[in-house]
Amino acid sequence: MSSSAYSVENEVEKDTKEFLRYFVCSVFSLGLDIGAFSICIRFLGIFWVYAACIGFLIGSTVAYCGSIFWVFQSRRMAPHQGTEFFVFVAIGVCGLALCEFLLWLGITVMGYSPELTRAFASVVTFLFNFLVRKIALFRG
């Protein structure tokens, strides 16, 4: 086997491992996000737009910690952790905007339940966040 083929296989294996770890980390973060979202709208009477932001902040913090300590093997901005966190959250804010749009569309326009709509929006947001964060922050 040539060294370039071996290198490509190693990169694919690394990317697959990171994707699976990111998935586990995201599922955990999503559970916290949706849990906070649901508690806010169902028990605290907070409007879903604000509830989604609260859930997002909780989920993003957990996702960032998981990403830097467990998911990704390399970090482009490790020496500049404040900037790295800012970019991580900025990407998340773009994901949040996408999520908010999908929530509005699903809840307000289409009349679906908030939790069902949030679950769908989370899948779309997960893929967006992984790809952009991997490319911008964690590609070695």
C-alpha atoms as a PDB file:
ATOM      1  CA  MET A   1       0.000   0.000   0.000  1.00  0.00           C
ATOM      2  CA  SER A   2       1.400   3.416  -0.890  1.00  0.00           C
ATOM      3  CA  SER A   3       2.023   5.998   1.786  1.00  0.00           C
ATOM      4  CA  SER A   4      -0.541   8.358   0.250  1.00  0.00           C
ATOM      5  CA  ALA A   5      -3.231   5.653   0.348  1.00  0.00           C
ATOM      6  CA  TYR A   6      -2.282   4.900   3.947  1.00  0.00           C
ATOM      7  CA  SER A   7      -2.440   8.612   4.738  1.00  0.00           C
ATOM      8  CA  VAL A   8      -5.895   8.933   3.173  1.00  0.00           C
ATOM      9  CA  GLU A   9      -7.131   5.890   5.097  1.00  0.00           C
ATOM     10  CA  ASN A  10      -5.799   7.358   8.339  1.00  0.00           C
ATOM     11  CA  GLU A  11      -7.502  10.688   7.607  1.00  0.00           C
ATOM     12  CA  VAL A  12     -10.816   8.980   6.832  1.00  0.00           C
ATOM     13  CA  GLU A  13     -10.530   6.914  10.020  1.00  0.00           C
ATOM     14  CA  LYS A  14      -9.715  10.037  12.051  1.00  0.00           C
ATOM     15  CA  ASP A  15     -12.612  11.980  10.500  1.00  0.00           C
ATOM     16  CA  THR A  16     -15.015   9.093  11.115  1.00  0.00           C
ATOM     17  CA  LYS A  17     -13.919   8.802  14.738  1.00  0.00           C
ATOM     18  CA  GLU A  18     -14.316  12.549  15.233  1.00  0.00           C
ATOM     19  CA  PHE A  19     -17.738  12.532  13.559  1.00  0.00           C
ATOM     20  CA  LEU A  20     -18.949   9.726  15.826  1.00  0.00           C
ATOM     21  CA  ARG A  21     -17.569  11.447  18.924  1.00  0.00           C
ATOM     22  CA  TYR A  22     -19.108  14.724  17.803  1.00  0.00           C
ATOM     23  CA  PHE A  23     -22.392  12.881  17.363  1.00  0.00           C
ATOM     24  CA  VAL A  24     -22.255  11.486  20.934  1.00  0.00           C
ATOM     25  CA  CYS A  25     -21.246  14.886  22.314  1.00  0.00           C
ATOM     26  CA  SER A  26     -23.993  16.576  20.309  1.00  0.00           C
ATOM     27  CA  VAL A  27     -26.662  14.114  21.416  1.00  0.00           C
ATOM     28  CA  PHE A  28     -25.742  14.816  25.033  1.00  0.00           C
ATOM     29  CA  SER A  29     -25.642  18.578  24.410  1.00  0.00           C
ATOM     30  CA  LEU A  30     -28.901  18.368  22.469  1.00  0.00           C
ATOM     31  CA  GLY A  31     -30.545  16.559  25.367  1.00  0.00           C
ATOM     32  CA  LEU A  32     -29.572  19.419  27.638  1.00  0.00           C
ATOM     33  CA  ASP A  33     -30.626  21.965  25.004  1.00  0.00           C
ATOM     34  CA  ILE A  34     -34.053  20.422  24.364  1.00  0.00           C
ATOM     35  CA  GLY A  35     -34.557  19.736  28.060  1.00  0.00           C
ATOM     36  CA  ALA A  36     -33.902  23.380  28.915  1.00  0.00           C
ATOM     37  CA  PHE A  37     -36.040  24.481  25.939  1.00  0.00           C
ATOM     38  CA  SER A  38     -38.958  22.323  27.044  1.00  0.00           C
ATOM     39  CA  ILE A  39     -38.690  23.315  30.718  1.00  0.00           C
ATOM     40  CA  CYS A  40     -38.604  26.974  29.708  1.00  0.00           C
ATOM     41  CA  ILE A  41     -41.708  26.814  27.506  1.00  0.00           C
ATOM     42  CA  ARG A  42     -43.724  24.249  29.486  1.00  0.00           C
ATOM     43  CA  PHE A  43     -42.953  25.126  33.114  1.00  0.00           C
ATOM     44  CA  LEU A  44     -41.522  28.634  33.115  1.00  0.00           C
ATOM     45  CA  GLY A  45     -43.801  30.128  30.449  1.00  0.00           C
ATOM     46  CA  ILE A  46     -40.913  31.555  28.423  1.00  0.00           C
ATOM     47  CA  PHE A  47     -41.668  32.290  24.754  1.00  0.00           C
ATOM     48  CA  TRP A  48     -40.097  29.638  22.475  1.00  0.00           C
ATOM     49  CA  VAL A  49     -37.711  32.107  20.800  1.00  0.00           C
ATOM     50  CA  TYR A  50     -36.074  32.934  24.150  1.00  0.00           C
ATOM     51  CA  ALA A  51     -36.314  29.346  25.347  1.00  0.00           C
ATOM     52  CA  ALA A  52     -34.388  28.211  22.261  1.00  0.00           C
ATOM     53  CA  CYS A  53     -31.644  30.732  23.052  1.00  0.00           C
ATOM     54  CA  ILE A  54     -31.350  29.512  26.645  1.00  0.00           C
ATOM     55  CA  GLY A  55     -31.178  25.908  25.498  1.00  0.00           C
ATOM     56  CA  PHE A  56     -28.643  26.879  22.854  1.00  0.00           C
ATOM     57  CA  LEU A  57     -26.335  28.540  25.375  1.00  0.00           C
ATOM     58  CA  ILE A  58     -26.397  25.523  27.666  1.00  0.00           C
ATOM     59  CA  GLY A  59     -25.917  23.066  24.812  1.00  0.00           C
ATOM     60  CA  SER A  60     -23.171  25.131  23.160  1.00  0.00           C
ATOM     61  CA  THR A  61     -21.090  25.366  26.298  1.00  0.00           C
ATOM     62  CA  VAL A  62     -21.233  21.614  26.811  1.00  0.00           C
ATOM     63  CA  ALA A  63     -20.544  20.981  23.091  1.00  0.00           C
ATOM     64  CA  TYR A  64     -17.485  23.260  23.154  1.00  0.00           C
ATOM     65  CA  CYS A  65     -16.011  21.569  26.203  1.00  0.00           C
ATOM     66  CA  GLY A  66     -16.640  18.150  24.682  1.00  0.00           C
ATOM     67  CA  SER A  67     -15.158  19.250  21.357  1.00  0.00           C
ATOM     68  CA  ILE A  68     -11.885  20.511  22.752  1.00  0.00           C
ATOM     69  CA  PHE A  69     -11.376  17.802  25.384  1.00  0.00           C
ATOM     70  CA  TRP A  70     -12.741  14.688  23.668  1.00  0.00           C
ATOM     71  CA  VAL A  71     -13.965  15.004  20.076  1.00  0.00           C
ATOM     72  CA  PHE A  72     -11.296  16.634  17.922  1.00  0.00           C
ATOM     73  CA  GLN A  73      -7.650  15.598  17.797  1.00  0.00           C
ATOM     74  CA  SER A  74      -6.291  18.874  16.467  1.00  0.00           C
ATOM     75  CA  ARG A  75      -7.144  22.481  17.125  1.00  0.00           C
ATOM     76  CA  ARG A  76      -6.085  25.319  14.838  1.00  0.00           C
ATOM     77  CA  MET A  77      -6.600  27.990  17.477  1.00  0.00           C
ATOM     78  CA  ALA A  78      -5.575  26.158  20.671  1.00  0.00           C
ATOM     79  CA  PRO A  79      -3.123  28.920  21.709  1.00  0.00           C
ATOM     80  CA  HIS A  80      -5.950  31.447  21.325  1.00  0.00           C
ATOM     81  CA  GLN A  81      -8.684  29.751  23.305  1.00  0.00           C
ATOM     82  CA  GLY A  82     -10.761  32.911  23.746  1.00  0.00           C
ATOM     83  CA  THR A  83     -10.852  33.480  19.997  1.00  0.00           C
ATOM     84  CA  GLU A  84     -11.493  29.799  19.411  1.00  0.00           C
ATOM     85  CA  PHE A  85     -14.485  29.848  21.766  1.00  0.00           C
ATOM     86  CA  PHE A  86     -15.768  33.025  20.083  1.00  0.00           C
ATOM     87  CA  VAL A  87     -15.564  31.422  16.612  1.00  0.00           C
ATOM     88  CA  PHE A  88     -17.108  28.196  17.954  1.00  0.00           C
ATOM     89  CA  VAL A  89     -20.041  30.157  19.378  1.00  0.00           C
ATOM     90  CA  ALA A  90     -20.296  32.373  16.265  1.00  0.00           C
ATOM     91  CA  ILE A  91     -20.690  29.249  14.135  1.00  0.00           C
ATOM     92  CA  GLY A  92     -23.246  28.065  16.668  1.00  0.00           C
ATOM     93  CA  VAL A  93     -25.097  31.379  16.378  1.00  0.00           C
ATOM     94  CA  CYS A  94     -25.353  30.825  12.624  1.00  0.00           C
ATOM     95  CA  GLY A  95     -26.667  27.363  13.427  1.00  0.00           C
ATOM     96  CA  LEU A  96     -29.055  28.937  15.924  1.00  0.00           C
ATOM     97  CA  ALA A  97     -30.345  31.330  13.253  1.00  0.00           C
ATOM     98  CA  LEU A  98     -30.943  28.336  10.998  1.00  0.00           C
ATOM     99  CA  CYS A  99     -32.624  26.523  13.893  1.00  0.00           C
ATOM    100  CA  GLU A 100     -34.815  29.530  14.766  1.00  0.00           C
ATOM    101  CA  PHE A 101     -35.926  29.787  11.146  1.00  0.00           C
ATOM    102  CA  LEU A 102     -36.810  26.093  11.081  1.00  0.00           C
ATOM    103  CA  LEU A 103     -38.639  26.449  14.433  1.00  0.00           C
ATOM    104  CA  TRP A 104     -40.626  29.393  13.117  1.00  0.00           C
ATOM    105  CA  LEU A 105     -41.439  27.495   9.951  1.00  0.00           C
ATOM    106  CA  GLY A 106     -42.426  24.300  11.771  1.00  0.00           C
ATOM    107  CA  ILE A 107     -44.251  25.782  14.774  1.00  0.00           C
ATOM    108  CA  THR A 108     -45.789  28.993  13.479  1.00  0.00           C
ATOM    109  CA  VAL A 109     -46.311  28.271   9.799  1.00  0.00           C
ATOM    110  CA  MET A 110     -46.885  24.515   9.742  1.00  0.00           C
ATOM    111  CA  GLY A 111     -48.349  24.015  13.230  1.00  0.00           C
ATOM    112  CA  TYR A 112     -46.112  21.141  14.351  1.00  0.00           C
ATOM    113  CA  SER A 113     -45.321  20.538  18.017  1.00  0.00           C
ATOM    114  CA  PRO A 114     -42.339  22.506  19.364  1.00  0.00           C
ATOM    115  CA  GLU A 115     -40.448  19.363  20.412  1.00  0.00           C
ATOM    116  CA  LEU A 116     -40.928  17.596  17.065  1.00  0.00           C
ATOM    117  CA  THR A 117     -39.906  20.702  15.175  1.00  0.00           C
ATOM    118  CA  ARG A 118     -36.904  21.185  17.474  1.00  0.00           C
ATOM    119  CA  ALA A 119     -35.769  17.607  16.885  1.00  0.00           C
ATOM    120  CA  PHE A 120     -35.853  18.077  13.088  1.00  0.00           C
ATOM    121  CA  ALA A 121     -34.134  21.455  13.292  1.00  0.00           C
ATOM    122  CA  SER A 122     -31.474  19.910  15.509  1.00  0.00           C
ATOM    123  CA  VAL A 123     -30.509  17.317  12.887  1.00  0.00           C
ATOM    124  CA  VAL A 124     -30.056  20.021  10.251  1.00  0.00           C
ATOM    125  CA  THR A 125     -28.172  22.250  12.687  1.00  0.00           C
ATOM    126  CA  PHE A 126     -25.967  19.344  13.826  1.00  0.00           C
ATOM    127  CA  LEU A 127     -24.748  18.692  10.293  1.00  0.00           C
ATOM    128  CA  PHE A 128     -24.177  22.385   9.629  1.00  0.00           C
ATOM    129  CA  ASN A 129     -22.258  22.908  12.880  1.00  0.00           C
ATOM    130  CA  PHE A 130     -20.072  19.809  12.484  1.00  0.00           C
ATOM    131  CA  LEU A 131     -19.001  20.628   8.950  1.00  0.00           C
ATOM    132  CA  VAL A 132     -18.299  24.303   9.553  1.00  0.00           C
ATOM    133  CA  ARG A 133     -16.551  23.753  12.905  1.00  0.00           C
ATOM    134  CA  LYS A 134     -14.441  20.920  11.508  1.00  0.00           C
ATOM    135  CA  ILE A 135     -13.329  23.037   8.555  1.00  0.00           C
ATOM    136  CA  ALA A 136     -12.836  26.312  10.432  1.00  0.00           C
ATOM    137  CA  LEU A 137     -11.475  25.169  13.803  1.00  0.00           C
ATOM    138  CA  PHE A 138     -10.466  21.540  14.010  1.00  0.00           C
ATOM    139  CA  ARG A 139      -8.861  20.542  10.719  1.00  0.00           C
ATOM    140  CA  GLY A 140      -5.270  19.511  11.382  1.00  0.00           C
END
